[in-house]
């Protein structure tokens, strides 16, 4: 059995994960447990997945805000769920020890309107 090694860890948006899962599904005759579970997760959130081009534009807009507390993992999660209100934004970011001023929250929500 193969002995995989982690080369790096980088957050990805759901549209990119979906593309990678499709490639892996075509490559492997029988997908493994993680591939199946990831595919199920993506199918549950399929209405939130936009095209890769649209997602990349949103990432660039969020990065252009230059919010020092907002890291790439936060940006990817925001692009995946596209919060429309401050309450939605708080729900998306509640898993992270992150506090944003109201002004920054409004600018983030403005990107998705």
PDB file of N, CA and C in Angstrom:
ATOM      1  N   UNK A   1       0.839  -1.173   0.000  1.00  0.00           N
ATOM      2  CA  UNK A   1       0.000   0.000   0.000  1.00  0.00           C
ATOM      3  C   UNK A   1       0.889   1.242   0.000  1.00  0.00           C
ATOM      4  N   UNK A   2       0.430   2.269  -0.675  1.00  0.00           N
ATOM      5  CA  UNK A   2       1.187   3.505  -0.779  1.00  0.00           C
ATOM      6  C   UNK A   2       1.310   4.189   0.575  1.00  0.00           C
ATOM      7  N   UNK A   3       2.371   4.924   0.733  1.00  0.00           N
ATOM      8  CA  UNK A   3       2.607   5.666   1.957  1.00  0.00           C
ATOM      9  C   UNK A   3       2.608   7.153   1.614  1.00  0.00           C
ATOM     10  N   UNK A   4       1.419   7.799   1.567  1.00  0.00           N
ATOM     11  CA  UNK A   4       1.356   9.195   1.135  1.00  0.00           C
ATOM     12  C   UNK A   4       1.992  10.127   2.153  1.00  0.00           C
ATOM     13  N   UNK A   5       2.542  11.227   1.648  1.00  0.00           N
ATOM     14  CA  UNK A   5       3.131  12.255   2.494  1.00  0.00           C
ATOM     15  C   UNK A   5       2.506  13.596   2.132  1.00  0.00           C
ATOM     16  N   UNK A   6       2.257  14.415   3.148  1.00  0.00           N
ATOM     17  CA  UNK A   6       1.737  15.745   2.908  1.00  0.00           C
ATOM     18  C   UNK A   6       2.859  16.644   2.413  1.00  0.00           C
ATOM     19  N   UNK A   7       2.638  17.255   1.292  1.00  0.00           N
ATOM     20  CA  UNK A   7       3.610  18.194   0.739  1.00  0.00           C
ATOM     21  C   UNK A   7       3.261  19.598   1.207  1.00  0.00           C
ATOM     22  N   UNK A   8       1.983  19.889   1.262  1.00  0.00           N
ATOM     23  CA  UNK A   8       1.539  21.203   1.692  1.00  0.00           C
ATOM     24  C   UNK A   8       0.056  21.186   1.985  1.00  0.00           C
ATOM     25  N   UNK A   9      -0.385  22.203   2.665  1.00  0.00           N
ATOM     26  CA  UNK A   9      -1.791  22.320   2.998  1.00  0.00           C
ATOM     27  C   UNK A   9      -2.243  23.726   2.635  1.00  0.00           C
ATOM     28  N   UNK A  10      -3.291  23.808   1.832  1.00  0.00           N
ATOM     29  CA  UNK A  10      -3.759  25.089   1.339  1.00  0.00           C
ATOM     30  C   UNK A  10      -5.278  25.060   1.243  1.00  0.00           C
ATOM     31  N   UNK A  11      -5.971  26.093   1.716  1.00  0.00           N
ATOM     32  CA  UNK A  11      -7.435  26.109   1.606  1.00  0.00           C
ATOM     33  C   UNK A  11      -7.875  26.211   0.146  1.00  0.00           C
ATOM     34  N   UNK A  12      -9.029  25.591  -0.147  1.00  0.00           N
ATOM     35  CA  UNK A  12      -9.563  25.597  -1.506  1.00  0.00           C
ATOM     36  C   UNK A  12     -11.040  25.971  -1.465  1.00  0.00           C
ATOM     37  N   UNK A  13     -11.520  26.592  -2.531  1.00  0.00           N
ATOM     38  CA  UNK A  13     -12.937  26.884  -2.650  1.00  0.00           C
ATOM     39  C   UNK A  13     -13.652  25.646  -3.167  1.00  0.00           C
ATOM     40  N   UNK A  14     -14.958  25.552  -2.902  1.00  0.00           N
ATOM     41  CA  UNK A  14     -15.704  24.353  -3.261  1.00  0.00           C
ATOM     42  C   UNK A  14     -15.686  24.060  -4.760  1.00  0.00           C
ATOM     43  N   UNK A  15     -15.686  25.080  -5.593  1.00  0.00           N
ATOM     44  CA  UNK A  15     -15.660  24.832  -7.037  1.00  0.00           C
ATOM     45  C   UNK A  15     -14.361  24.151  -7.446  1.00  0.00           C
ATOM     46  N   UNK A  16     -13.270  24.500  -6.793  1.00  0.00           N
ATOM     47  CA  UNK A  16     -11.983  23.866  -7.080  1.00  0.00           C
ATOM     48  C   UNK A  16     -11.952  22.432  -6.550  1.00  0.00           C
ATOM     49  N   UNK A  17     -12.524  22.232  -5.368  1.00  0.00           N
ATOM     50  CA  UNK A  17     -12.605  20.883  -4.803  1.00  0.00           C
ATOM     51  C   UNK A  17     -13.458  19.993  -5.699  1.00  0.00           C
ATOM     52  N   UNK A  18     -14.559  20.536  -6.199  1.00  0.00           N
ATOM     53  CA  UNK A  18     -15.433  19.787  -7.100  1.00  0.00           C
ATOM     54  C   UNK A  18     -14.674  19.356  -8.352  1.00  0.00           C
ATOM     55  N   UNK A  19     -13.879  20.256  -8.903  1.00  0.00           N
ATOM     56  CA  UNK A  19     -13.089  19.926 -10.098  1.00  0.00           C
ATOM     57  C   UNK A  19     -12.085  18.813  -9.798  1.00  0.00           C
ATOM     58  N   UNK A  20     -11.409  18.893  -8.663  1.00  0.00           N
ATOM     59  CA  UNK A  20     -10.422  17.876  -8.289  1.00  0.00           C
ATOM     60  C   UNK A  20     -11.099  16.525  -8.061  1.00  0.00           C
ATOM     61  N   UNK A  21     -12.256  16.524  -7.421  1.00  0.00           N
ATOM     62  CA  UNK A  21     -12.983  15.276  -7.171  1.00  0.00           C
ATOM     63  C   UNK A  21     -13.414  14.631  -8.486  1.00  0.00           C
ATOM     64  N   UNK A  22     -13.807  15.437  -9.453  1.00  0.00           N
ATOM     65  CA  UNK A  22     -14.171  14.875 -10.767  1.00  0.00           C
ATOM     66  C   UNK A  22     -12.970  14.206 -11.428  1.00  0.00           C
ATOM     67  N   UNK A  23     -11.808  14.840 -11.332  1.00  0.00           N
ATOM     68  CA  UNK A  23     -10.587  14.267 -11.904  1.00  0.00           C
ATOM     69  C   UNK A  23     -10.244  12.955 -11.208  1.00  0.00           C
ATOM     70  N   UNK A  24     -10.338  12.940  -9.887  1.00  0.00           N
ATOM     71  CA  UNK A  24     -10.018  11.728  -9.124  1.00  0.00           C
ATOM     72  C   UNK A  24     -11.024  10.619  -9.443  1.00  0.00           C
ATOM     73  N   UNK A  25     -12.301  10.969  -9.584  1.00  0.00           N
ATOM     74  CA  UNK A  25     -13.329   9.970  -9.901  1.00  0.00           C
ATOM     75  C   UNK A  25     -13.094   9.342 -11.276  1.00  0.00           C
ATOM     76  N   UNK A  26     -12.641  10.143 -12.239  1.00  0.00           N
ATOM     77  CA  UNK A  26     -12.342   9.600 -13.567  1.00  0.00           C
ATOM     78  C   UNK A  26     -11.105   8.715 -13.530  1.00  0.00           C
ATOM     79  N   UNK A  27     -10.128   9.114 -12.711  1.00  0.00           N
ATOM     80  CA  UNK A  27      -8.866   8.390 -12.636  1.00  0.00           C
ATOM     81  C   UNK A  27      -9.008   7.041 -11.941  1.00  0.00           C
ATOM     82  N   UNK A  28      -9.725   7.014 -10.828  1.00  0.00           N
ATOM     83  CA  UNK A  28      -9.850   5.794 -10.032  1.00  0.00           C
ATOM     84  C   UNK A  28     -11.098   5.015 -10.439  1.00  0.00           C
ATOM     85  N   UNK A  29     -10.941   3.726 -10.615  1.00  0.00           N
ATOM     86  CA  UNK A  29     -12.085   2.885 -10.961  1.00  0.00           C
ATOM     87  C   UNK A  29     -13.077   2.817  -9.799  1.00  0.00           C
ATOM     88  N   UNK A  30     -12.556   2.715  -8.598  1.00  0.00           N
ATOM     89  CA  UNK A  30     -13.399   2.657  -7.409  1.00  0.00           C
ATOM     90  C   UNK A  30     -12.935   3.737  -6.426  1.00  0.00           C
ATOM     91  N   UNK A  31     -13.750   4.789  -6.216  1.00  0.00           N
ATOM     92  CA  UNK A  31     -13.323   5.868  -5.322  1.00  0.00           C
ATOM     93  C   UNK A  31     -13.247   5.397  -3.869  1.00  0.00           C
ATOM     94  N   UNK A  32     -12.331   6.004  -3.109  1.00  0.00           N
ATOM     95  CA  UNK A  32     -12.197   5.615  -1.713  1.00  0.00           C
ATOM     96  C   UNK A  32     -13.222   6.347  -0.847  1.00  0.00           C
ATOM     97  N   UNK A  33     -13.213   6.040   0.436  1.00  0.00           N
ATOM     98  CA  UNK A  33     -14.186   6.579   1.385  1.00  0.00           C
ATOM     99  C   UNK A  33     -14.167   8.107   1.418  1.00  0.00           C
ATOM    100  N   UNK A  34     -12.992   8.700   1.464  1.00  0.00           N
ATOM    101  CA  UNK A  34     -12.885  10.160   1.549  1.00  0.00           C
ATOM    102  C   UNK A  34     -13.419  10.845   0.288  1.00  0.00           C
ATOM    103  N   UNK A  35     -13.170  10.245  -0.850  1.00  0.00           N
ATOM    104  CA  UNK A  35     -13.665  10.808  -2.103  1.00  0.00           C
ATOM    105  C   UNK A  35     -15.188  10.795  -2.121  1.00  0.00           C
ATOM    106  N   UNK A  36     -15.772   9.703  -1.676  1.00  0.00           N
ATOM    107  CA  UNK A  36     -17.230   9.579  -1.644  1.00  0.00           C
ATOM    108  C   UNK A  36     -17.838  10.601  -0.689  1.00  0.00           C
ATOM    109  N   UNK A  37     -17.272  10.723   0.501  1.00  0.00           N
ATOM    110  CA  UNK A  37     -17.792  11.667   1.492  1.00  0.00           C
ATOM    111  C   UNK A  37     -17.637  13.114   1.013  1.00  0.00           C
ATOM    112  N   UNK A  38     -16.533  13.419   0.368  1.00  0.00           N
ATOM    113  CA  UNK A  38     -16.316  14.767  -0.160  1.00  0.00           C
ATOM    114  C   UNK A  38     -17.322  15.074  -1.262  1.00  0.00           C
ATOM    115  N   UNK A  39     -17.572  14.091  -2.112  1.00  0.00           N
ATOM    116  CA  UNK A  39     -18.549  14.261  -3.190  1.00  0.00           C
ATOM    117  C   UNK A  39     -19.944  14.516  -2.611  1.00  0.00           C
ATOM    118  N   UNK A  40     -20.312  13.789  -1.552  1.00  0.00           N
ATOM    119  CA  UNK A  40     -21.608  13.991  -0.895  1.00  0.00           C
ATOM    120  C   UNK A  40     -21.706  15.391  -0.302  1.00  0.00           C
ATOM    121  N   UNK A  41     -20.627  15.841   0.328  1.00  0.00           N
ATOM    122  CA  UNK A  41     -20.598  17.190   0.904  1.00  0.00           C
ATOM    123  C   UNK A  41     -20.809  18.241  -0.171  1.00  0.00           C
ATOM    124  N   UNK A  42     -20.114  18.093  -1.279  1.00  0.00           N
ATOM    125  CA  UNK A  42     -20.236  19.055  -2.380  1.00  0.00           C
ATOM    126  C   UNK A  42     -21.652  19.054  -2.937  1.00  0.00           C
ATOM    127  N   UNK A  43     -22.263  17.885  -3.048  1.00  0.00           N
ATOM    128  CA  UNK A  43     -23.631  17.804  -3.559  1.00  0.00           C
ATOM    129  C   UNK A  43     -24.616  18.497  -2.623  1.00  0.00           C
ATOM    130  N   UNK A  44     -24.364  18.454  -1.311  1.00  0.00           N
ATOM    131  CA  UNK A  44     -25.230  19.136  -0.349  1.00  0.00           C
ATOM    132  C   UNK A  44     -25.168  20.648  -0.495  1.00  0.00           C
ATOM    133  N   UNK A  45     -24.029  21.169  -0.930  1.00  0.00           N
ATOM    134  CA  UNK A  45     -23.854  22.603  -1.070  1.00  0.00           C
ATOM    135  C   UNK A  45     -23.770  23.027  -2.532  1.00  0.00           C
ATOM    136  N   UNK A  46     -24.319  22.236  -3.422  1.00  0.00           N
ATOM    137  CA  UNK A  46     -24.174  22.502  -4.851  1.00  0.00           C
ATOM    138  C   UNK A  46     -24.791  23.822  -5.286  1.00  0.00           C
ATOM    139  N   UNK A  47     -25.831  24.299  -4.587  1.00  0.00           N
ATOM    140  CA  UNK A  47     -26.426  25.577  -4.983  1.00  0.00           C
ATOM    141  C   UNK A  47     -25.500  26.750  -4.666  1.00  0.00           C
ATOM    142  N   UNK A  48     -24.566  26.565  -3.737  1.00  0.00           N
ATOM    143  CA  UNK A  48     -23.625  27.630  -3.390  1.00  0.00           C
ATOM    144  C   UNK A  48     -22.407  27.661  -4.295  1.00  0.00           C
ATOM    145  N   UNK A  49     -22.173  26.599  -5.035  1.00  0.00           N
ATOM    146  CA  UNK A  49     -20.982  26.529  -5.867  1.00  0.00           C
ATOM    147  C   UNK A  49     -21.207  27.338  -7.133  1.00  0.00           C
ATOM    148  N   UNK A  50     -20.378  28.334  -7.311  1.00  0.00           N
ATOM    149  CA  UNK A  50     -20.431  29.116  -8.541  1.00  0.00           C
ATOM    150  C   UNK A  50     -19.272  28.687  -9.428  1.00  0.00           C
ATOM    151  N   UNK A  51     -19.216  29.242 -10.590  1.00  0.00           N
ATOM    152  CA  UNK A  51     -18.134  28.868 -11.500  1.00  0.00           C
ATOM    153  C   UNK A  51     -16.795  29.278 -10.905  1.00  0.00           C
ATOM    154  N   UNK A  52     -15.752  28.631 -11.348  1.00  0.00           N
ATOM    155  CA  UNK A  52     -14.415  28.924 -10.842  1.00  0.00           C
ATOM    156  C   UNK A  52     -14.031  30.372 -11.121  1.00  0.00           C
ATOM    157  N   UNK A  53     -14.444  30.877 -12.275  1.00  0.00           N
ATOM    158  CA  UNK A  53     -14.124  32.256 -12.653  1.00  0.00           C
ATOM    159  C   UNK A  53     -14.786  33.238 -11.685  1.00  0.00           C
ATOM    160  N   UNK A  54     -16.071  33.016 -11.385  1.00  0.00           N
ATOM    161  CA  UNK A  54     -16.782  33.887 -10.446  1.00  0.00           C
ATOM    162  C   UNK A  54     -16.169  33.809  -9.054  1.00  0.00           C
ATOM    163  N   UNK A  55     -15.809  32.611  -8.644  1.00  0.00           N
ATOM    164  CA  UNK A  55     -15.211  32.425  -7.322  1.00  0.00           C
ATOM    165  C   UNK A  55     -13.868  33.139  -7.228  1.00  0.00           C
ATOM    166  N   UNK A  56     -13.080  33.054  -8.272  1.00  0.00           N
ATOM    167  CA  UNK A  56     -11.778  33.728  -8.270  1.00  0.00           C
ATOM    168  C   UNK A  56     -11.945  35.245  -8.214  1.00  0.00           C
ATOM    169  N   UNK A  57     -12.975  35.763  -8.880  1.00  0.00           N
ATOM    170  CA  UNK A  57     -13.247  37.204  -8.826  1.00  0.00           C
ATOM    171  C   UNK A  57     -13.599  37.623  -7.402  1.00  0.00           C
ATOM    172  N   UNK A  58     -14.422  36.810  -6.727  1.00  0.00           N
ATOM    173  CA  UNK A  58     -14.797  37.116  -5.349  1.00  0.00           C
ATOM    174  C   UNK A  58     -13.580  37.074  -4.430  1.00  0.00           C
ATOM    175  N   UNK A  59     -12.712  36.102  -4.643  1.00  0.00           N
ATOM    176  CA  UNK A  59     -11.491  35.999  -3.834  1.00  0.00           C
ATOM    177  C   UNK A  59     -10.648  37.257  -4.019  1.00  0.00           C
ATOM    178  N   UNK A  60     -10.495  37.703  -5.256  1.00  0.00           N
ATOM    179  CA  UNK A  60      -9.696  38.901  -5.529  1.00  0.00           C
ATOM    180  C   UNK A  60     -10.316  40.140  -4.889  1.00  0.00           C
ATOM    181  N   UNK A  61     -11.658  40.234  -4.935  1.00  0.00           N
ATOM    182  CA  UNK A  61     -12.333  41.381  -4.324  1.00  0.00           C
ATOM    183  C   UNK A  61     -12.128  41.383  -2.811  1.00  0.00           C
ATOM    184  N   UNK A  62     -12.244  40.209  -2.190  1.00  0.00           N
ATOM    185  CA  UNK A  62     -12.050  40.124  -0.741  1.00  0.00           C
ATOM    186  C   UNK A  62     -10.601  40.428  -0.360  1.00  0.00           C
ATOM    187  N   UNK A  63      -9.662  39.941  -1.160  1.00  0.00           N
ATOM    188  CA  UNK A  63      -8.248  40.232  -0.887  1.00  0.00           C
ATOM    189  C   UNK A  63      -7.943  41.713  -1.067  1.00  0.00           C
ATOM    190  N   UNK A  64      -8.639  42.356  -1.997  1.00  0.00           N
ATOM    191  CA  UNK A  64      -8.384  43.777  -2.251  1.00  0.00           C
ATOM    192  C   UNK A  64      -8.885  44.669  -1.107  1.00  0.00           C
ATOM    193  N   UNK A  65      -9.716  44.121  -0.218  1.00  0.00           N
ATOM    194  CA  UNK A  65     -10.161  44.888   0.942  1.00  0.00           C
ATOM    195  C   UNK A  65      -9.013  45.137   1.919  1.00  0.00           C
ATOM    196  N   UNK A  66      -7.961  44.315   1.830  1.00  0.00           N
ATOM    197  CA  UNK A  66      -6.769  44.441   2.677  1.00  0.00           C
ATOM    198  C   UNK A  66      -7.098  44.428   4.168  1.00  0.00           C
ATOM    199  N   UNK A  67      -7.940  43.494   4.574  1.00  0.00           N
ATOM    200  CA  UNK A  67      -8.253  43.332   5.986  1.00  0.00           C
ATOM    201  C   UNK A  67      -7.204  42.415   6.593  1.00  0.00           C
ATOM    202  N   UNK A  68      -6.444  42.930   7.529  1.00  0.00           N
ATOM    203  CA  UNK A  68      -5.299  42.182   8.066  1.00  0.00           C
ATOM    204  C   UNK A  68      -5.718  40.925   8.816  1.00  0.00           C
ATOM    205  N   UNK A  69      -6.877  40.934   9.424  1.00  0.00           N
ATOM    206  CA  UNK A  69      -7.320  39.763  10.189  1.00  0.00           C
ATOM    207  C   UNK A  69      -7.880  38.655   9.304  1.00  0.00           C
ATOM    208  N   UNK A  70      -8.231  38.981   8.089  1.00  0.00           N
ATOM    209  CA  UNK A  70      -8.860  38.027   7.181  1.00  0.00           C
ATOM    210  C   UNK A  70      -7.787  37.235   6.443  1.00  0.00           C
ATOM    211  N   UNK A  71      -7.661  35.969   6.790  1.00  0.00           N
ATOM    212  CA  UNK A  71      -6.659  35.084   6.190  1.00  0.00           C
ATOM    213  C   UNK A  71      -7.280  34.350   5.007  1.00  0.00           C
ATOM    214  N   UNK A  72      -6.457  33.626   4.255  1.00  0.00           N
ATOM    215  CA  UNK A  72      -6.934  32.938   3.049  1.00  0.00           C
ATOM    216  C   UNK A  72      -7.990  31.883   3.377  1.00  0.00           C
ATOM    217  N   UNK A  73      -7.857  31.204   4.499  1.00  0.00           N
ATOM    218  CA  UNK A  73      -8.863  30.199   4.860  1.00  0.00           C
ATOM    219  C   UNK A  73     -10.214  30.850   5.126  1.00  0.00           C
ATOM    220  N   UNK A  74     -10.212  32.047   5.705  1.00  0.00           N
ATOM    221  CA  UNK A  74     -11.466  32.767   5.932  1.00  0.00           C
ATOM    222  C   UNK A  74     -12.083  33.199   4.603  1.00  0.00           C
ATOM    223  N   UNK A  75     -11.236  33.681   3.715  1.00  0.00           N
ATOM    224  CA  UNK A  75     -11.713  34.138   2.407  1.00  0.00           C
ATOM    225  C   UNK A  75     -12.344  32.989   1.637  1.00  0.00           C
ATOM    226  N   UNK A  76     -11.719  31.829   1.644  1.00  0.00           N
ATOM    227  CA  UNK A  76     -12.266  30.669   0.930  1.00  0.00           C
ATOM    228  C   UNK A  76     -13.621  30.270   1.498  1.00  0.00           C
ATOM    229  N   UNK A  77     -13.746  30.281   2.805  1.00  0.00           N
ATOM    230  CA  UNK A  77     -15.010  29.925   3.444  1.00  0.00           C
ATOM    231  C   UNK A  77     -16.088  30.946   3.105  1.00  0.00           C
ATOM    232  N   UNK A  78     -15.727  32.222   3.070  1.00  0.00           N
ATOM    233  CA  UNK A  78     -16.697  33.254   2.712  1.00  0.00           C
ATOM    234  C   UNK A  78     -17.168  33.098   1.272  1.00  0.00           C
ATOM    235  N   UNK A  79     -16.253  32.785   0.374  1.00  0.00           N
ATOM    236  CA  UNK A  79     -16.623  32.594  -1.035  1.00  0.00           C
ATOM    237  C   UNK A  79     -17.536  31.377  -1.179  1.00  0.00           C
ATOM    238  N   UNK A  80     -17.295  30.348  -0.400  1.00  0.00           N
ATOM    239  CA  UNK A  80     -18.129  29.141  -0.472  1.00  0.00           C
ATOM    240  C   UNK A  80     -19.572  29.414  -0.043  1.00  0.00           C
ATOM    241  N   UNK A  81     -19.758  30.214   1.002  1.00  0.00           N
ATOM    242  CA  UNK A  81     -21.096  30.392   1.567  1.00  0.00           C
ATOM    243  C   UNK A  81     -21.750  31.722   1.228  1.00  0.00           C
ATOM    244  N   UNK A  82     -20.997  32.687   0.728  1.00  0.00           N
ATOM    245  CA  UNK A  82     -21.525  33.971   0.256  1.00  0.00           C
ATOM    246  C   UNK A  82     -22.550  34.590   1.214  1.00  0.00           C
ATOM    247  N   UNK A  83     -22.103  35.043   2.385  1.00  0.00           N
ATOM    248  CA  UNK A  83     -23.055  35.614   3.349  1.00  0.00           C
ATOM    249  C   UNK A  83     -23.666  36.924   2.831  1.00  0.00           C
ATOM    250  N   UNK A  84     -24.965  37.089   3.061  1.00  0.00           N
ATOM    251  CA  UNK A  84     -25.681  38.274   2.586  1.00  0.00           C
ATOM    252  C   UNK A  84     -25.971  39.260   3.709  1.00  0.00           C
ATOM    253  N   UNK A  85     -25.936  38.800   4.964  1.00  0.00           N
ATOM    254  CA  UNK A  85     -26.192  39.660   6.109  1.00  0.00           C
ATOM    255  C   UNK A  85     -25.073  39.503   7.127  1.00  0.00           C
ATOM    256  N   UNK A  86     -25.058  40.400   8.112  1.00  0.00           N
ATOM    257  CA  UNK A  86     -24.044  40.304   9.153  1.00  0.00           C
ATOM    258  C   UNK A  86     -24.239  39.045   9.986  1.00  0.00           C
ATOM    259  N   UNK A  87     -25.483  38.626  10.175  1.00  0.00           N
ATOM    260  CA  UNK A  87     -25.726  37.380  10.918  1.00  0.00           C
ATOM    261  C   UNK A  87     -25.180  36.181  10.162  1.00  0.00           C
ATOM    262  N   UNK A  88     -25.386  36.165   8.851  1.00  0.00           N
ATOM    263  CA  UNK A  88     -24.826  35.083   8.032  1.00  0.00           C
ATOM    264  C   UNK A  88     -23.301  35.081   8.118  1.00  0.00           C
ATOM    265  N   UNK A  89     -22.715  36.254   8.081  1.00  0.00           N
ATOM    266  CA  UNK A  89     -21.262  36.381   8.170  1.00  0.00           C
ATOM    267  C   UNK A  89     -20.753  35.831   9.498  1.00  0.00           C
ATOM    268  N   UNK A  90     -21.439  36.149  10.566  1.00  0.00           N
ATOM    269  CA  UNK A  90     -21.044  35.650  11.890  1.00  0.00           C
ATOM    270  C   UNK A  90     -21.143  34.136  11.958  1.00  0.00           C
ATOM    271  N   UNK A  91     -22.179  33.567  11.356  1.00  0.00           N
ATOM    272  CA  UNK A  91     -22.339  32.111  11.359  1.00  0.00           C
ATOM    273  C   UNK A  91     -21.205  31.446  10.588  1.00  0.00           C
ATOM    274  N   UNK A  92     -20.851  31.994   9.447  1.00  0.00           N
ATOM    275  CA  UNK A  92     -19.786  31.417   8.627  1.00  0.00           C
ATOM    276  C   UNK A  92     -18.447  31.471   9.353  1.00  0.00           C
ATOM    277  N   UNK A  93     -18.194  32.563  10.047  1.00  0.00           N
ATOM    278  CA  UNK A  93     -16.894  32.751  10.691  1.00  0.00           C
ATOM    279  C   UNK A  93     -16.855  32.321  12.156  1.00  0.00           C
ATOM    280  N   UNK A  94     -17.929  31.752  12.681  1.00  0.00           N
ATOM    281  CA  UNK A  94     -17.952  31.396  14.099  1.00  0.00           C
ATOM    282  C   UNK A  94     -16.968  30.293  14.461  1.00  0.00           C
ATOM    283  N   UNK A  95     -16.524  29.517  13.512  1.00  0.00           N
ATOM    284  CA  UNK A  95     -15.566  28.443  13.784  1.00  0.00           C
ATOM    285  C   UNK A  95     -14.151  28.969  13.991  1.00  0.00           C
ATOM    286  N   UNK A  96     -13.939  30.239  13.679  1.00  0.00           N
ATOM    287  CA  UNK A  96     -12.598  30.820  13.762  1.00  0.00           C
ATOM    288  C   UNK A  96     -12.546  31.852  14.895  1.00  0.00           C
ATOM    289  N   UNK A  97     -11.424  31.925  15.590  1.00  0.00           N
ATOM    290  CA  UNK A  97     -11.278  32.963  16.621  1.00  0.00           C
ATOM    291  C   UNK A  97     -10.977  34.310  15.961  1.00  0.00           C
ATOM    292  N   UNK A  98     -12.001  34.912  15.390  1.00  0.00           N
ATOM    293  CA  UNK A  98     -11.833  36.111  14.580  1.00  0.00           C
ATOM    294  C   UNK A  98     -12.908  37.124  14.954  1.00  0.00           C
ATOM    295  N   UNK A  99     -12.501  38.328  15.233  1.00  0.00           N
ATOM    296  CA  UNK A  99     -13.465  39.400  15.467  1.00  0.00           C
ATOM    297  C   UNK A  99     -13.180  40.507  14.467  1.00  0.00           C
ATOM    298  N   UNK A 100     -14.239  40.968  13.846  1.00  0.00           N
ATOM    299  CA  UNK A 100     -14.119  42.021  12.838  1.00  0.00           C
ATOM    300  C   UNK A 100     -14.968  43.216  13.245  1.00  0.00           C
ATOM    301  N   UNK A 101     -14.456  44.414  13.080  1.00  0.00           N
ATOM    302  CA  UNK A 101     -15.273  45.598  13.332  1.00  0.00           C
ATOM    303  C   UNK A 101     -16.466  45.653  12.383  1.00  0.00           C
ATOM    304  N   UNK A 102     -17.504  46.340  12.803  1.00  0.00           N
ATOM    305  CA  UNK A 102     -18.724  46.423  11.989  1.00  0.00           C
ATOM    306  C   UNK A 102     -18.441  46.986  10.597  1.00  0.00           C
ATOM    307  N   UNK A 103     -17.535  47.942  10.500  1.00  0.00           N
ATOM    308  CA  UNK A 103     -17.172  48.537   9.209  1.00  0.00           C
ATOM    309  C   UNK A 103     -16.605  47.472   8.264  1.00  0.00           C
ATOM    310  N   UNK A 104     -15.730  46.613   8.772  1.00  0.00           N
ATOM    311  CA  UNK A 104     -15.150  45.536   7.962  1.00  0.00           C
ATOM    312  C   UNK A 104     -16.194  44.503   7.582  1.00  0.00           C
ATOM    313  N   UNK A 105     -17.098  44.206   8.502  1.00  0.00           N
ATOM    314  CA  UNK A 105     -18.172  43.254   8.198  1.00  0.00           C
ATOM    315  C   UNK A 105     -19.039  43.772   7.063  1.00  0.00           C
ATOM    316  N   UNK A 106     -19.357  45.052   7.105  1.00  0.00           N
ATOM    317  CA  UNK A 106     -20.178  45.651   6.045  1.00  0.00           C
ATOM    318  C   UNK A 106     -19.457  45.633   4.700  1.00  0.00           C
ATOM    319  N   UNK A 107     -18.151  45.854   4.710  1.00  0.00           N
ATOM    320  CA  UNK A 107     -17.405  45.836   3.447  1.00  0.00           C
ATOM    321  C   UNK A 107     -17.338  44.423   2.875  1.00  0.00           C
ATOM    322  N   UNK A 108     -17.242  43.409   3.738  1.00  0.00           N
ATOM    323  CA  UNK A 108     -17.247  42.021   3.264  1.00  0.00           C
ATOM    324  C   UNK A 108     -18.592  41.675   2.658  1.00  0.00           C
ATOM    325  N   UNK A 109     -19.664  42.044   3.320  1.00  0.00           N
ATOM    326  CA  UNK A 109     -21.013  41.752   2.819  1.00  0.00           C
ATOM    327  C   UNK A 109     -21.259  42.499   1.502  1.00  0.00           C
ATOM    328  N   UNK A 110     -20.689  43.690   1.372  1.00  0.00           N
ATOM    329  CA  UNK A 110     -20.824  44.458   0.140  1.00  0.00           C
ATOM    330  C   UNK A 110     -20.237  43.760  -1.074  1.00  0.00           C
ATOM    331  N   UNK A 111     -19.249  42.924  -0.870  1.00  0.00           N
ATOM    332  CA  UNK A 111     -18.642  42.167  -1.974  1.00  0.00           C
ATOM    333  C   UNK A 111     -19.635  41.179  -2.560  1.00  0.00           C
ATOM    334  N   UNK A 112     -20.515  40.621  -1.731  1.00  0.00           N
ATOM    335  CA  UNK A 112     -21.427  39.567  -2.174  1.00  0.00           C
ATOM    336  C   UNK A 112     -22.778  40.094  -2.640  1.00  0.00           C
ATOM    337  N   UNK A 113     -22.977  41.380  -2.579  1.00  0.00           N
ATOM    338  CA  UNK A 113     -24.275  41.938  -3.026  1.00  0.00           C
ATOM    339  C   UNK A 113     -24.274  42.233  -4.498  1.00  0.00           C
TER     340      UNK A 113
END
